[in-house]
C-alpha atoms as a PDB file:
ATOM      1  CA  MET A   1      -1.358 -38.049-154.294  1.00  0.00           C
ATOM      2  CA  GLU A   2       1.482 -35.703-155.117  1.00  0.00           C
ATOM      3  CA  ARG A   3       0.868 -32.158-154.045  1.00  0.00           C
ATOM      4  CA  THR A   4       0.869 -29.661-156.876  1.00  0.00           C
ATOM      5  CA  TYR A   5      -0.453 -26.154-157.319  1.00  0.00           C
ATOM      6  CA  GLU A   6      -3.333 -27.638-159.283  1.00  0.00           C
ATOM      7  CA  SER A   7      -4.278 -30.090-156.543  1.00  0.00           C
ATOM      8  CA  ALA A   8      -3.986 -27.342-153.950  1.00  0.00           C
ATOM      9  CA  ALA A   9      -6.368 -25.206-155.986  1.00  0.00           C
ATOM     10  CA  ALA A  10      -8.743 -28.171-156.259  1.00  0.00           C
ATOM     11  CA  LEU A  11      -9.065 -28.275-152.464  1.00  0.00           C
ATOM     12  CA  VAL A  12     -11.232 -25.173-152.536  1.00  0.00           C
ATOM     13  CA  ASP A  13     -14.009 -27.196-154.184  1.00  0.00           C
ATOM     14  CA  ARG A  14     -14.706 -28.578-150.712  1.00  0.00           C
ATOM     15  CA  ALA A  15     -15.785 -25.158-149.476  1.00  0.00           C
ATOM     16  CA  ALA A  16     -19.539 -24.763-149.075  1.00  0.00           C
ATOM     17  CA  GLY A  17     -19.751 -21.749-146.775  1.00  0.00           C
ATOM     18  CA  PRO A  18     -19.603 -17.996-147.376  1.00  0.00           C
ATOM     19  CA  LEU A  19     -15.961 -18.169-148.506  1.00  0.00           C
ATOM     20  CA  ALA A  20     -16.580 -20.726-151.252  1.00  0.00           C
ATOM     21  CA  SER A  21     -16.489 -18.351-154.214  1.00  0.00           C
ATOM     22  CA  HIS A  22     -13.437 -16.472-152.918  1.00  0.00           C
ATOM     23  CA  LEU A  23     -11.002 -19.259-152.082  1.00  0.00           C
ATOM     24  CA  GLY A  24     -10.076 -19.894-155.717  1.00  0.00           C
ATOM     25  CA  PRO A  25      -8.813 -16.330-156.231  1.00  0.00           C
ATOM     26  CA  PHE A  26      -7.156 -16.523-152.800  1.00  0.00           C
ATOM     27  CA  VAL A  27      -5.145 -19.585-153.848  1.00  0.00           C
ATOM     28  CA  THR A  28      -4.232 -17.885-157.131  1.00  0.00           C
ATOM     29  CA  SER A  29      -2.877 -14.918-155.164  1.00  0.00           C
ATOM     30  CA  LEU A  30      -0.778 -17.256-152.997  1.00  0.00           C
ATOM     31  CA  ILE A  31       0.686 -18.889-156.099  1.00  0.00           C
ATOM     32  CA  ASP A  32       1.454 -15.454-157.543  1.00  0.00           C
ATOM     33  CA  GLN A  33       3.294 -14.583-154.307  1.00  0.00           C
ATOM     34  CA  GLN A  34       5.425 -17.717-154.850  1.00  0.00           C
ATOM     35  CA  TYR A  35       4.495 -19.609-151.713  1.00  0.00           C
ATOM     36  CA  THR A  36       5.508 -23.258-151.823  1.00  0.00           C
ATOM     37  CA  VAL A  37       2.879 -25.932-152.489  1.00  0.00           C
ATOM     38  CA  THR A  38       3.119 -27.283-148.940  1.00  0.00           C
ATOM     39  CA  VAL A  39       2.490 -23.862-147.411  1.00  0.00           C
ATOM     40  CA  ILE A  40      -0.466 -23.230-149.730  1.00  0.00           C
ATOM     41  CA  TYR A  41      -1.972 -26.553-148.625  1.00  0.00           C
ATOM     42  CA  ILE A  42      -1.715 -25.446-144.997  1.00  0.00           C
ATOM     43  CA  LYS A  43      -3.293 -22.071-145.737  1.00  0.00           C
ATOM     44  CA  VAL A  44      -6.153 -23.645-147.689  1.00  0.00           C
ATOM     45  CA  ARG A  45      -6.914 -26.138-144.916  1.00  0.00           C
ATOM     46  CA  HIS A  46      -7.105 -23.289-142.402  1.00  0.00           C
ATOM     47  CA  ALA A  47      -9.373 -21.396-144.809  1.00  0.00           C
ATOM     48  CA  LEU A  48     -11.662 -24.417-145.230  1.00  0.00           C
ATOM     49  CA  ALA A  49     -11.958 -24.894-141.466  1.00  0.00           C
ATOM     50  CA  PHE A  50     -12.765 -21.197-141.028  1.00  0.00           C
ATOM     51  CA  ASP A  51     -15.324 -21.396-143.837  1.00  0.00           C
ATOM     52  CA  ARG A  52     -17.099 -24.302-142.103  1.00  0.00           C
ATOM     53  CA  TRP A  53     -17.157 -22.391-138.826  1.00  0.00           C
ATOM     54  CA  LEU A  54     -18.570 -19.267-140.488  1.00  0.00           C
ATOM     55  CA  ALA A  55     -21.275 -21.367-142.149  1.00  0.00           C
ATOM     56  CA  THR A  56     -22.389 -22.926-138.861  1.00  0.00           C
ATOM     57  CA  ARG A  57     -22.560 -19.455-137.271  1.00  0.00           C
ATOM     58  CA  ARG A  58     -24.328 -18.012-140.329  1.00  0.00           C
ATOM     59  CA  VAL A  59     -21.804 -15.203-140.585  1.00  0.00           C
ATOM     60  CA  VAL A  60     -22.084 -13.113-143.744  1.00  0.00           C
ATOM     61  CA  LEU A  61     -18.946 -11.652-145.279  1.00  0.00           C
ATOM     62  CA  ALA A  62     -20.340  -8.129-145.119  1.00  0.00           C
ATOM     63  CA  ASP A  63     -20.005  -8.394-141.326  1.00  0.00           C
ATOM     64  CA  LEU A  64     -16.743 -10.353-141.148  1.00  0.00           C
ATOM     65  CA  GLY A  65     -13.959  -8.888-139.001  1.00  0.00           C
ATOM     66  CA  GLU A  66     -11.349  -9.559-136.347  1.00  0.00           C
ATOM     67  CA  VAL A  67     -14.011 -10.284-133.743  1.00  0.00           C
ATOM     68  CA  HIS A  68     -14.967 -13.420-135.667  1.00  0.00           C
ATOM     69  CA  ILE A  69     -11.351 -14.589-135.746  1.00  0.00           C
ATOM     70  CA  GLU A  70     -11.192 -14.151-131.975  1.00  0.00           C
ATOM     71  CA  ARG A  71     -14.389 -16.168-131.523  1.00  0.00           C
ATOM     72  CA  TYR A  72     -13.130 -18.779-133.949  1.00  0.00           C
ATOM     73  CA  GLN A  73      -9.941 -19.229-131.954  1.00  0.00           C
ATOM     74  CA  HIS A  74     -11.930 -19.723-128.764  1.00  0.00           C
ATOM     75  CA  ARG A  75     -14.325 -22.225-130.327  1.00  0.00           C
ATOM     76  CA  SER A  76     -15.093 -25.525-128.666  1.00  0.00           C
ATOM     77  CA  ARG A  77     -12.784 -28.291-129.827  1.00  0.00           C
ATOM     78  CA  ARG A  78     -13.270 -31.996-129.879  1.00  0.00           C
ATOM     79  CA  ARG A  79     -12.546 -33.639-126.538  1.00  0.00           C
ATOM     80  CA  HIS A  80     -11.587 -30.208-125.196  1.00  0.00           C
ATOM     81  CA  GLN A  81      -8.085 -30.801-126.530  1.00  0.00           C
ATOM     82  CA  ARG A  82      -5.486 -28.206-125.636  1.00  0.00           C
ATOM     83  CA  ILE A  83      -3.916 -26.293-128.491  1.00  0.00           C
ATOM     84  CA  ARG A  84      -0.270 -25.336-128.422  1.00  0.00           C
ATOM     85  CA  THR A  85       0.523 -21.637-128.423  1.00  0.00           C
ATOM     86  CA  GLU A  86       2.464 -21.933-131.689  1.00  0.00           C
ATOM     87  CA  THR A  87      -0.459 -23.727-133.370  1.00  0.00           C
ATOM     88  CA  ARG A  88      -2.883 -21.041-132.220  1.00  0.00           C
ATOM     89  CA  ARG A  89      -0.535 -18.304-133.427  1.00  0.00           C
ATOM     90  CA  ARG A  90      -0.205 -19.968-136.831  1.00  0.00           C
ATOM     91  CA  GLU A  91      -3.972 -20.334-137.102  1.00  0.00           C
ATOM     92  CA  TRP A  92      -4.429 -16.639-136.298  1.00  0.00           C
ATOM     93  CA  TYR A  93      -1.835 -15.660-138.912  1.00  0.00           C
ATOM     94  CA  GLU A  94      -3.363 -17.788-141.682  1.00  0.00           C
ATOM     95  CA  VAL A  95      -6.944 -16.675-141.095  1.00  0.00           C
ATOM     96  CA  THR A  96      -5.898 -13.030-140.750  1.00  0.00           C
ATOM     97  CA  GLN A  97      -4.081 -13.240-144.080  1.00  0.00           C
ATOM     98  CA  LEU A  98      -7.305 -14.525-145.647  1.00  0.00           C
ATOM     99  CA  LEU A  99      -9.279 -11.661-144.096  1.00  0.00           C
ATOM    100  CA  GLN A 100      -6.789  -9.146-145.493  1.00  0.00           C
ATOM    101  CA  PHE A 101      -7.188 -10.694-148.941  1.00  0.00           C
ATOM    102  CA  LEU A 102     -10.978 -10.397-148.726  1.00  0.00           C
ATOM    103  CA  ARG A 103     -10.705  -6.783-147.617  1.00  0.00           C
ATOM    104  CA  GLY A 104      -8.321  -6.030-150.437  1.00  0.00           C
ATOM    105  CA  HIS A 105     -11.001  -7.197-152.866  1.00  0.00           C
ATOM    106  CA  GLY A 106     -13.774  -5.230-151.209  1.00  0.00           C
ATOM    107  CA  VAL A 107     -15.579  -8.332-149.933  1.00  0.00           C
ATOM    108  CA  CYS A 108     -15.361  -7.396-146.238  1.00  0.00           C
ATOM    109  CA  PRO A 109     -15.525  -4.020-144.502  1.00  0.00           C
ATOM    110  CA  ALA A 110     -12.230  -2.249-143.940  1.00  0.00           C
ATOM    111  CA  ALA A 111     -10.549  -2.683-140.598  1.00  0.00           C
ATOM    112  CA  ARG A 112     -10.657   0.012-137.973  1.00  0.00           C
ATOM    113  CA  VAL A 113      -7.386   1.890-138.062  1.00  0.00           C
ATOM    114  CA  GLU A 114      -5.479   0.335-135.185  1.00  0.00           C
ATOM    115  CA  THR A 115      -1.783  -0.095-135.799  1.00  0.00           C
ATOM    116  CA  THR A 116       0.854  -1.759-133.644  1.00  0.00           C
ATOM    117  CA  ALA A 117       4.282  -0.440-132.718  1.00  0.00           C
ATOM    118  CA  ALA A 118       5.737  -2.839-135.284  1.00  0.00           C
ATOM    119  CA  ASP A 119       3.448  -1.421-137.989  1.00  0.00           C
ATOM    120  CA  ASP A 120       4.414   2.133-137.088  1.00  0.00           C
ATOM    121  CA  LEU A 121       8.140   1.395-137.208  1.00  0.00           C
ATOM    122  CA  ALA A 122       7.792  -0.450-140.519  1.00  0.00           C
ATOM    123  CA  ALA A 123       5.942   2.572-141.914  1.00  0.00           C
ATOM    124  CA  ARG A 124       8.749   4.899-140.790  1.00  0.00           C
ATOM    125  CA  TYR A 125      11.259   2.550-142.396  1.00  0.00           C
ATOM    126  CA  GLY A 126       9.312   2.728-145.655  1.00  0.00           C
ATOM    127  CA  GLN A 127       9.302   6.513-145.473  1.00  0.00           C
ATOM    128  CA  HIS A 128      13.065   6.451-144.902  1.00  0.00           C
ATOM    129  CA  LEU A 129      13.534   4.345-148.033  1.00  0.00           C
ATOM    130  CA  GLN A 130      11.506   6.830-150.028  1.00  0.00           C
ATOM    131  CA  ASP A 131      13.126   9.973-148.650  1.00  0.00           C
ATOM    132  CA  GLU A 132      16.734   8.822-148.410  1.00  0.00           C
ATOM    133  CA  GLN A 133      17.132   6.162-151.084  1.00  0.00           C
ATOM    134  CA  GLY A 134      14.484   7.008-153.659  1.00  0.00           C
ATOM    135  CA  LEU A 135      13.601   3.359-154.322  1.00  0.00           C
ATOM    136  CA  ALA A 136      10.742   2.366-156.587  1.00  0.00           C
ATOM    137  CA  THR A 137       7.330   2.335-154.912  1.00  0.00           C
ATOM    138  CA  ALA A 138       6.910  -1.416-155.453  1.00  0.00           C
ATOM    139  CA  THR A 139      10.309  -2.130-153.889  1.00  0.00           C
ATOM    140  CA  ILE A 140       9.565   0.086-150.896  1.00  0.00           C
ATOM    141  CA  GLU A 141       6.260  -1.699-150.315  1.00  0.00           C
ATOM    142  CA  ARG A 142       7.921  -5.130-150.450  1.00  0.00           C
ATOM    143  CA  TYR A 143      10.718  -4.098-148.088  1.00  0.00           C
ATOM    144  CA  ARG A 144       8.286  -2.409-145.689  1.00  0.00           C
ATOM    145  CA  THR A 145       6.104  -5.514-145.642  1.00  0.00           C
ATOM    146  CA  VAL A 146       9.078  -7.768-144.840  1.00  0.00           C
ATOM    147  CA  ALA A 147      10.290  -5.441-142.084  1.00  0.00           C
ATOM    148  CA  GLY A 148       6.821  -5.312-140.569  1.00  0.00           C
ATOM    149  CA  ARG A 149       6.490  -9.090-140.638  1.00  0.00           C
ATOM    150  CA  PHE A 150       9.910  -9.488-139.007  1.00  0.00           C
ATOM    151  CA  LEU A 151       9.077  -7.004-136.237  1.00  0.00           C
ATOM    152  CA  ARG A 152       5.645  -8.514-135.579  1.00  0.00           C
ATOM    153  CA  GLU A 153       7.094 -12.008-135.304  1.00  0.00           C
ATOM    154  CA  ARG A 154       9.732 -10.762-132.888  1.00  0.00           C
ATOM    155  CA  PHE A 155       7.674  -8.350-130.756  1.00  0.00           C
ATOM    156  CA  GLY A 156       4.049  -9.270-131.465  1.00  0.00           C
ATOM    157  CA  ARG A 157       1.602  -6.462-130.698  1.00  0.00           C
ATOM    158  CA  GLY A 158       3.745  -5.075-127.895  1.00  0.00           C
ATOM    159  CA  VAL A 159       6.439  -2.434-127.637  1.00  0.00           C
ATOM    160  CA  VAL A 160       9.268  -2.666-130.159  1.00  0.00           C
ATOM    161  CA  ASP A 161      12.644  -2.475-128.427  1.00  0.00           C
ATOM    162  CA  LEU A 162      15.280  -2.353-131.151  1.00  0.00           C
ATOM    163  CA  ARG A 163      18.001  -2.771-128.564  1.00  0.00           C
ATOM    164  CA  ALA A 164      16.626  -6.244-127.859  1.00  0.00           C
ATOM    165  CA  LEU A 165      17.204  -7.383-131.449  1.00  0.00           C
ATOM    166  CA  ARG A 166      20.020  -9.846-131.976  1.00  0.00           C
ATOM    167  CA  THR A 167      21.747 -11.305-135.008  1.00  0.00           C
ATOM    168  CA  GLY A 168      20.017 -14.636-134.463  1.00  0.00           C
ATOM    169  CA  ASP A 169      16.580 -13.003-134.718  1.00  0.00           C
ATOM    170  CA  ALA A 170      17.222 -11.936-138.300  1.00  0.00           C
ATOM    171  CA  ILE A 171      18.809 -15.229-139.295  1.00  0.00           C
ATOM    172  CA  ALA A 172      15.983 -17.279-137.747  1.00  0.00           C
ATOM    173  CA  PHE A 173      13.392 -15.124-139.529  1.00  0.00           C
ATOM    174  CA  VAL A 174      14.989 -15.696-142.929  1.00  0.00           C
ATOM    175  CA  GLN A 175      15.348 -19.408-142.228  1.00  0.00           C
ATOM    176  CA  ARG A 176      11.615 -19.614-141.522  1.00  0.00           C
ATOM    177  CA  GLN A 177      10.925 -17.953-144.858  1.00  0.00           C
ATOM    178  CA  THR A 178      12.922 -20.661-146.676  1.00  0.00           C
ATOM    179  CA  GLN A 179      10.225 -23.100-145.585  1.00  0.00           C
ATOM    180  CA  CYS A 180       7.455 -20.970-147.110  1.00  0.00           C
ATOM    181  CA  LEU A 181       8.760 -19.211-150.199  1.00  0.00           C
ATOM    182  CA  GLN A 182      10.299 -20.102-153.519  1.00  0.00           C
ATOM    183  CA  PRO A 183      13.774 -18.721-154.356  1.00  0.00           C
ATOM    184  CA  PRO A 184      12.684 -15.542-156.224  1.00  0.00           C
ATOM    185  CA  ALA A 185      10.450 -14.431-153.342  1.00  0.00           C
ATOM    186  CA  LEU A 186      13.053 -15.484-150.787  1.00  0.00           C
ATOM    187  CA  LYS A 187      15.630 -13.299-152.525  1.00  0.00           C
ATOM    188  CA  CYS A 188      13.343 -10.317-151.967  1.00  0.00           C
ATOM    189  CA  VAL A 189      13.134 -11.158-148.249  1.00  0.00           C
ATOM    190  CA  VAL A 190      16.931 -11.397-147.973  1.00  0.00           C
ATOM    191  CA  ASN A 191      17.414  -8.092-149.793  1.00  0.00           C
ATOM    192  CA  ALA A 192      14.830  -6.428-147.555  1.00  0.00           C
ATOM    193  CA  MET A 193      16.466  -7.733-144.388  1.00  0.00           C
ATOM    194  CA  ARG A 194      19.884  -6.611-145.581  1.00  0.00           C
ATOM    195  CA  SER A 195      18.473  -3.132-146.227  1.00  0.00           C
ATOM    196  CA  PHE A 196      16.714  -3.050-142.861  1.00  0.00           C
ATOM    197  CA  LEU A 197      19.734  -4.167-140.847  1.00  0.00           C
ATOM    198  CA  ARG A 198      22.131  -1.833-142.592  1.00  0.00           C
ATOM    199  CA  GLY A 199      19.757   1.131-142.694  1.00  0.00           C
ATOM    200  CA  ARG A 200      19.101   3.844-140.172  1.00  0.00           C
ATOM    201  CA  VAL A 201      16.573   1.712-138.278  1.00  0.00           C
ATOM    202  CA  GLY A 202      18.895  -1.266-138.042  1.00  0.00           C
ATOM    203  CA  HIS A 203      21.671   0.870-136.592  1.00  0.00           C
ATOM    204  CA  HIS A 204      19.527   1.490-133.514  1.00  0.00           C
ATOM    205  CA  ALA A 205      19.293  -2.229-132.854  1.00  0.00           C
ATOM    206  CA  GLY A 206      21.381  -4.006-130.250  1.00  0.00           C
ATOM    207  CA  ILE A 207      23.594  -5.484-132.943  1.00  0.00           C
ATOM    208  CA  ALA A 208      27.206  -4.485-133.516  1.00  0.00           C
ATOM    209  CA  GLN A 209      28.190  -3.436-137.027  1.00  0.00           C
ATOM    210  CA  GLY A 210      30.347  -6.540-137.436  1.00  0.00           C
ATOM    211  CA  ASP A 211      27.403  -8.710-136.412  1.00  0.00           C
ATOM    212  CA  ILE A 212      25.162  -6.914-138.900  1.00  0.00           C
ATOM    213  CA  THR A 213      27.606  -7.836-141.661  1.00  0.00           C
ATOM    214  CA  ARG A 214      27.680 -11.439-140.466  1.00  0.00           C
ATOM    215  CA  ALA A 215      23.881 -11.542-140.248  1.00  0.00           C
ATOM    216  CA  CYS A 216      23.575 -10.240-143.809  1.00  0.00           C
ATOM    217  CA  SER A 217      26.078 -12.836-145.013  1.00  0.00           C
ATOM    218  CA  ALA A 218      24.159 -15.583-143.195  1.00  0.00           C
ATOM    219  CA  CYS A 219      20.935 -14.382-144.843  1.00  0.00           C
ATOM    220  CA  ASP A 220      22.615 -14.461-148.252  1.00  0.00           C
ATOM    221  CA  ARG A 221      23.611 -18.083-147.696  1.00  0.00           C
ATOM    222  CA  GLN A 222      19.927 -19.021-147.403  1.00  0.00           C
ATOM    223  CA  LEU A 223      19.494 -18.322-151.130  1.00  0.00           C
END
């Protein structure tokens, strides 16, 4: 069967656990964010698996938090099969995105305030955009979100060393987004990365000015 947004949305009918009534709106939000159909399918399948696990553990959404994601990732698997690091990282990302959606709709308790170095730097970048460039609030939020995602993918939850950034990091990040997003959303990512690399924060990175220009041009070619 051909994958469409409609068929992706229909997948949520399989949910029978505590997430069942929330997966429809979750899929709608993914469509609104212009994720591709294939990516939405992947996210929904992760959500369905998490829903089944929550149901077997009798977890109620009023108690749901990061601790359950940690337990979920350490669950027993069939035949004790080993899971690749990249697969585990992707699973964590998808389920965490779902948790953030639920929190945004008041379904789950808010997270304890515990930011990473990447989050802090992205926040400072957003403040720079507001103070120095006077961009619209919506634009600042989109650019800050992209910068934070880029830094988290590069440095994880550890220390952010801007001097360790290289041109290829930015290009590879944008290339990964081409596999997830439709052109309008991808254009926003490219614009955000161009702003980040050419801004005050980007100038502290270990990238020469000529390489920054080349990286921006390479990002533009992804459109």
